[in-house]
N, C-alpha and C. Protein backbone atom coordinates (compact mmCIF):
# COMPACT_ATOMS: atom_id res chain seq x y z
N UNK A 1 14.25 -12.50 7.16
CA UNK A 1 13.68 -13.62 6.06
C UNK A 1 11.73 -13.07 6.45
N UNK A 2 11.10 -12.46 5.29
CA UNK A 2 10.28 -12.36 5.40
C UNK A 2 8.98 -13.37 5.44
N UNK A 3 7.40 -12.87 6.38
CA UNK A 3 6.66 -14.03 7.01
C UNK A 3 6.72 -14.81 5.90
N UNK A 4 6.06 -14.70 4.58
CA UNK A 4 6.13 -15.05 3.23
C UNK A 4 7.05 -16.69 2.76
N UNK A 5 8.49 -16.14 2.79
CA UNK A 5 10.02 -17.07 3.10
C UNK A 5 9.74 -17.99 4.46
N UNK A 6 9.46 -17.47 5.93
CA UNK A 6 10.01 -18.70 6.56
C UNK A 6 8.84 -19.96 6.38
N UNK A 7 9.50 -20.70 7.35
CA UNK A 7 8.90 -22.16 6.90
C UNK A 7 7.64 -22.75 7.73
N UNK A 8 7.09 -23.37 6.81
CA UNK A 8 5.31 -24.01 7.92
C UNK A 8 5.70 -24.45 9.17
N UNK A 9 5.42 -23.62 10.15
CA UNK A 9 5.27 -24.11 11.62
C UNK A 9 4.53 -25.59 11.70
N UNK A 10 4.75 -26.41 12.44
CA UNK A 10 4.13 -27.93 12.79
C UNK A 10 2.61 -27.96 13.41
N UNK A 11 1.71 -28.03 13.18
CA UNK A 11 0.67 -28.62 13.31
C UNK A 11 0.66 -28.83 14.72
N UNK A 12 -0.60 -28.66 15.82
CA UNK A 12 -0.74 -28.63 17.29
C UNK A 12 -2.09 -29.72 17.37
N UNK A 13 -1.91 -30.20 18.70
CA UNK A 13 -3.22 -30.76 18.89
C UNK A 13 -4.11 -29.85 18.34
N UNK A 14 -4.18 -28.85 18.95
CA UNK A 14 -5.41 -27.92 19.14
C UNK A 14 -5.89 -27.82 17.20
N UNK A 15 -4.81 -27.59 16.41
CA UNK A 15 -4.94 -27.62 14.99
C UNK A 15 -5.59 -29.46 14.57
N UNK A 16 -4.88 -29.95 15.21
CA UNK A 16 -5.89 -31.63 15.01
C UNK A 16 -7.03 -31.27 14.89
N UNK A 17 -7.95 -30.62 16.64
CA UNK A 17 -9.20 -30.80 16.74
C UNK A 17 -9.90 -30.29 15.59
N UNK A 18 -9.24 -28.85 15.55
CA UNK A 18 -10.31 -28.23 14.42
C UNK A 18 -10.06 -29.09 13.38
N UNK A 19 -9.65 -29.46 12.77
CA UNK A 19 -10.07 -30.38 11.43
C UNK A 19 -10.75 -31.96 12.02
N UNK A 20 -10.79 -31.90 12.94
CA UNK A 20 -11.71 -33.14 13.43
C UNK A 20 -13.11 -33.02 13.78
N UNK A 21 -13.26 -31.30 13.87
CA UNK A 21 -14.00 -30.40 13.52
C UNK A 21 -15.06 -30.20 12.89
N UNK A 22 -14.08 -29.58 11.86
CA UNK A 22 -14.93 -29.76 10.25
C UNK A 22 -14.87 -30.26 9.40
N UNK A 23 -14.26 -31.46 9.50
CA UNK A 23 -13.79 -32.33 8.03
C UNK A 23 -15.36 -32.53 8.21
N UNK A 24 -15.91 -33.61 8.60
CA UNK A 24 -17.46 -33.93 8.23
C UNK A 24 -18.32 -32.90 8.10
N UNK A 25 -18.31 -31.81 8.70
CA UNK A 25 -19.17 -30.95 7.82
C UNK A 25 -18.56 -30.47 6.67
N UNK A 26 -17.31 -30.48 6.56
CA UNK A 26 -16.97 -30.08 4.73
C UNK A 26 -17.04 -32.03 3.83
N UNK A 27 -17.25 -32.82 4.62
CA UNK A 27 -18.00 -33.87 3.80
C UNK A 27 -19.22 -34.20 3.40
N UNK A 28 -20.36 -33.25 4.48
CA UNK A 28 -21.77 -33.30 4.07
C UNK A 28 -21.56 -33.10 3.21
N UNK A 29 -21.23 -31.47 3.11
CA UNK A 29 -21.23 -30.64 1.98
C UNK A 29 -21.10 -30.98 0.60
N UNK A 30 -19.91 -31.84 0.83
CA UNK A 30 -19.69 -32.40 -0.19
C UNK A 30 -20.16 -33.24 -1.29
N UNK A 31 -20.87 -34.26 -0.39
CA UNK A 31 -21.24 -35.11 -0.53
C UNK A 31 -22.53 -34.81 -1.53
N UNK A 32 -22.88 -33.24 -0.62
CA UNK A 32 -24.44 -32.87 -1.77
C UNK A 32 -23.88 -32.46 -3.17
N UNK A 33 -22.64 -32.63 -3.74
CA UNK A 33 -22.54 -31.36 -4.63
C UNK A 33 -21.74 -32.84 -5.55
N UNK A 34 -20.54 -33.54 -4.88
CA UNK A 34 -19.78 -34.95 -5.49
C UNK A 34 -20.16 -35.88 -4.89
N UNK A 35 -20.69 -36.76 -4.51
CA UNK A 35 -21.11 -37.48 -4.03
C UNK A 35 -20.09 -38.60 -3.88
N UNK A 36 -19.47 -38.94 -5.16
CA UNK A 36 -17.74 -39.71 -5.44
C UNK A 36 -16.96 -39.14 -4.93
N UNK A 37 -16.96 -37.70 -4.45
CA UNK A 37 -15.35 -37.33 -4.34
C UNK A 37 -15.87 -37.03 -2.54
N UNK A 38 -16.98 -37.10 -2.43
CA UNK A 38 -16.76 -36.93 -1.10
C UNK A 38 -16.65 -38.70 -0.42
N UNK A 39 -17.38 -39.54 -0.82
CA UNK A 39 -17.07 -40.90 -0.77
C UNK A 39 -15.66 -41.01 -0.74
N UNK A 40 -14.95 -40.86 -1.95
CA UNK A 40 -13.45 -41.22 -1.48
C UNK A 40 -12.51 -40.67 -0.32
N UNK A 41 -12.79 -39.20 -0.30
CA UNK A 41 -12.35 -38.24 0.94
C UNK A 41 -12.89 -39.05 2.03
N UNK A 42 -14.07 -39.39 2.36
CA UNK A 42 -14.25 -40.01 3.48
C UNK A 42 -13.55 -41.30 3.77
N UNK A 43 -13.65 -41.86 3.02
CA UNK A 43 -12.45 -43.27 2.58
C UNK A 43 -10.97 -42.76 3.10
N UNK A 44 -10.41 -42.29 2.64
CA UNK A 44 -9.02 -41.65 3.34
C UNK A 44 -9.27 -41.10 4.30
N UNK A 45 -10.30 -40.45 4.90
CA UNK A 45 -9.64 -39.41 6.38
C UNK A 45 -10.01 -40.96 7.13
N UNK A 46 -10.74 -41.65 6.88
CA UNK A 46 -11.26 -42.76 7.84
C UNK A 46 -9.87 -43.58 7.84
N UNK A 47 -8.86 -43.51 6.89
CA UNK A 47 -7.61 -44.07 6.91
C UNK A 47 -6.02 -43.23 7.43
N UNK A 48 -7.06 -42.46 7.57
CA UNK A 48 -5.81 -41.00 8.35
C UNK A 48 -4.71 -40.25 7.51
N UNK A 49 -5.69 -40.46 6.39
CA UNK A 49 -5.34 -39.68 5.23
C UNK A 49 -5.79 -38.46 4.22
N UNK A 50 -5.47 -38.01 3.06
CA UNK A 50 -6.51 -37.25 2.31
C UNK A 50 -5.62 -36.97 1.27
N UNK A 51 -6.57 -37.20 0.18
CA UNK A 51 -5.35 -37.07 -1.39
C UNK A 51 -4.83 -35.80 -1.66
N UNK A 52 -4.15 -35.19 -2.59
CA UNK A 52 -3.89 -33.76 -2.60
C UNK A 52 -5.56 -32.80 -3.61
N UNK A 53 -5.56 -33.37 -4.06
CA UNK A 53 -7.44 -33.25 -4.26
C UNK A 53 -7.97 -32.92 -3.91
N UNK A 54 -8.44 -33.38 -2.27
CA UNK A 54 -9.12 -33.70 -1.38
C UNK A 54 -8.32 -32.49 -0.24
N UNK A 55 -7.00 -32.60 -0.20
CA UNK A 55 -6.56 -31.37 1.07
C UNK A 55 -6.86 -29.85 0.34
N UNK A 56 -7.02 -29.95 -0.58
CA UNK A 56 -6.69 -28.57 -1.26
C UNK A 56 -8.42 -27.99 -1.79
N UNK A 57 -9.49 -29.03 -1.73
CA UNK A 57 -10.68 -29.27 -1.61
C UNK A 57 -10.85 -28.54 -0.27
N UNK A 58 -10.21 -29.26 0.51
CA UNK A 58 -10.40 -28.90 2.09
C UNK A 58 -10.09 -27.51 2.39
N UNK A 59 -8.81 -26.86 2.06
CA UNK A 59 -8.56 -25.50 2.32
C UNK A 59 -9.24 -24.27 1.66
N UNK A 60 -9.49 -24.42 0.46
CA UNK A 60 -10.47 -23.54 -0.64
C UNK A 60 -12.06 -23.67 0.31
N UNK A 61 -12.51 -24.68 0.46
CA UNK A 61 -13.46 -24.66 1.33
C UNK A 61 -13.39 -24.02 2.86
N UNK A 62 -12.23 -24.19 3.87
CA UNK A 62 -12.81 -23.67 5.06
C UNK A 62 -12.39 -21.96 5.13
N UNK A 63 -11.56 -21.96 3.85
CA UNK A 63 -11.70 -20.38 3.49
C UNK A 63 -12.73 -19.95 2.94
N UNK A 64 -13.44 -20.55 2.24
CA UNK A 64 -14.66 -19.60 1.99
C UNK A 64 -15.72 -19.43 2.94
N UNK A 65 -15.44 -20.16 3.93
CA UNK A 65 -16.65 -20.72 4.67
C UNK A 65 -16.66 -20.28 6.29
N UNK A 66 -15.73 -19.32 6.18
CA UNK A 66 -15.32 -18.25 7.72
C UNK A 66 -16.68 -17.77 7.41
N UNK A 67 -17.04 -17.78 8.96
CA UNK A 67 -18.25 -17.32 9.26
C UNK A 67 -18.79 -16.51 10.80
N UNK A 68 -17.28 -16.09 11.41
CA UNK A 68 -17.11 -15.61 11.95
C UNK A 68 -16.18 -14.44 11.94
N UNK A 69 -16.45 -13.48 11.03
CA UNK A 69 -15.13 -12.38 10.38
C UNK A 69 -14.88 -11.32 11.66
N UNK A 70 -15.83 -11.15 12.36
CA UNK A 70 -15.21 -10.01 13.17
C UNK A 70 -15.74 -9.03 12.58
N UNK A 71 -16.66 -8.96 11.79
CA UNK A 71 -17.68 -7.86 11.54
C UNK A 71 -18.90 -7.75 12.79
N UNK A 72 -19.24 -6.13 12.73
CA UNK A 72 -20.93 -6.43 12.75
C UNK A 72 -22.15 -6.55 11.93
N UNK A 73 -23.14 -6.16 12.74
CA UNK A 73 -24.07 -6.45 11.62
C UNK A 73 -23.81 -5.31 10.38
N UNK A 74 -23.37 -4.09 11.16
CA UNK A 74 -23.62 -3.03 10.16
C UNK A 74 -22.77 -3.32 8.98
N UNK A 75 -21.65 -4.03 8.94
CA UNK A 75 -20.57 -4.06 8.51
C UNK A 75 -20.49 -4.92 7.63
N UNK A 76 -20.96 -6.35 7.75
CA UNK A 76 -21.67 -7.20 7.14
C UNK A 76 -20.22 -8.14 6.93
N UNK A 77 -19.70 -9.33 6.60
CA UNK A 77 -20.80 -10.07 5.98
C UNK A 77 -21.17 -10.89 6.48
N UNK A 78 -22.15 -11.62 6.40
CA UNK A 78 -22.80 -12.93 7.84
C UNK A 78 -23.30 -13.48 6.52
N UNK A 79 -22.55 -14.71 7.21
CA UNK A 79 -21.83 -15.67 6.52
C UNK A 79 -22.84 -17.14 7.17
N UNK A 80 -23.95 -17.95 6.46
CA UNK A 80 -24.20 -18.70 7.60
C UNK A 80 -23.73 -19.79 6.87
N UNK A 81 -23.96 -20.41 7.97
CA UNK A 81 -23.40 -21.54 7.31
C UNK A 81 -23.36 -22.89 9.18
N UNK A 82 -23.53 -24.41 8.77
CA UNK A 82 -23.79 -25.45 10.07
C UNK A 82 -22.64 -25.35 11.22
N UNK A 83 -21.46 -24.76 10.95
CA UNK A 83 -20.57 -24.90 11.78
C UNK A 83 -20.17 -23.64 12.18
N UNK A 84 -19.43 -22.92 12.94
CA UNK A 84 -19.05 -21.80 13.33
C UNK A 84 -17.06 -21.88 13.13
N UNK A 85 -17.00 -21.05 11.58
CA UNK A 85 -15.54 -21.21 11.60
C UNK A 85 -15.04 -19.97 11.48
N UNK A 86 -13.94 -19.78 12.19
CA UNK A 86 -13.07 -18.10 12.16
C UNK A 86 -11.86 -18.65 11.32
N UNK A 87 -11.19 -16.63 11.46
CA UNK A 87 -9.79 -17.16 10.40
C UNK A 87 -9.14 -18.15 11.11
N UNK A 88 -9.38 -18.33 12.91
CA UNK A 88 -7.93 -19.03 13.46
C UNK A 88 -8.23 -20.16 12.80
N UNK A 89 -9.58 -20.99 12.20
CA UNK A 89 -9.72 -22.22 12.47
C UNK A 89 -9.12 -22.35 10.88
N UNK A 90 -8.99 -21.28 10.08
CA UNK A 90 -8.72 -21.85 8.75
C UNK A 90 -7.53 -21.69 9.19
N UNK A 91 -6.19 -20.96 9.34
CA UNK A 91 -5.04 -21.07 9.86
C UNK A 91 -4.82 -22.38 10.03
N UNK A 92 -6.10 -22.82 11.10
CA UNK A 92 -5.51 -24.39 12.30
C UNK A 92 -5.41 -25.44 10.58
N UNK A 93 -6.60 -25.40 10.41
CA UNK A 93 -6.46 -26.24 8.51
C UNK A 93 -5.55 -26.23 7.52
N UNK A 94 -5.28 -24.95 7.49
CA UNK A 94 -4.01 -24.73 6.71
C UNK A 94 -2.81 -25.21 7.37
N UNK A 95 -2.77 -25.12 8.70
CA UNK A 95 -1.46 -25.61 8.85
C UNK A 95 -1.28 -27.31 9.24
N UNK A 96 -2.52 -27.52 9.12
CA UNK A 96 -2.27 -29.24 10.05
C UNK A 96 -1.84 -29.73 8.85
N UNK A 97 -2.61 -29.51 7.57
CA UNK A 97 -2.99 -29.80 6.06
C UNK A 97 -1.03 -29.57 5.39
N UNK A 98 -0.96 -28.77 6.02
CA UNK A 98 1.00 -28.26 5.68
C UNK A 98 1.76 -29.27 6.18
N UNK A 99 1.49 -29.41 7.51
CA UNK A 99 1.89 -30.41 7.92
C UNK A 99 2.30 -31.59 7.59
N UNK A 100 1.21 -31.88 7.22
CA UNK A 100 0.46 -33.29 6.48
C UNK A 100 1.29 -33.84 4.76
N UNK A 101 1.68 -32.30 4.64
CA UNK A 101 2.89 -32.47 3.43
C UNK A 101 1.87 -32.23 2.28
N UNK A 102 1.06 -30.87 2.25
CA UNK A 102 0.04 -30.80 1.44
C UNK A 102 0.40 -29.25 0.82
N UNK A 103 0.29 -28.67 -0.41
CA UNK A 103 0.97 -27.88 -0.38
C UNK A 103 -0.75 -27.11 -0.62
N UNK A 104 -1.08 -26.01 0.36
CA UNK A 104 -1.83 -24.95 0.46
C UNK A 104 -1.86 -23.33 0.06
């Protein structure tokens, strides 16, 4: 079976820690662009869940905000942001979302 067709792995406590570190950053950024969506997502997050739309937004956000690319200054890109986000962090968030039943 190819990697693309293997079942999604369960998330770990480490995945949850990454999500807990990044969700507040995502919510602050979302609030600057769409206060109502941020409020709804924050309320749901505090109740231990995310809507399908919020989960999709978080998955896209973490992908777009990877700041630790492994490139050096000469190779670029240099992504500024309020939190350090690695490709492994992105994978953790995506695993956690999938384990919650969201499509990512």
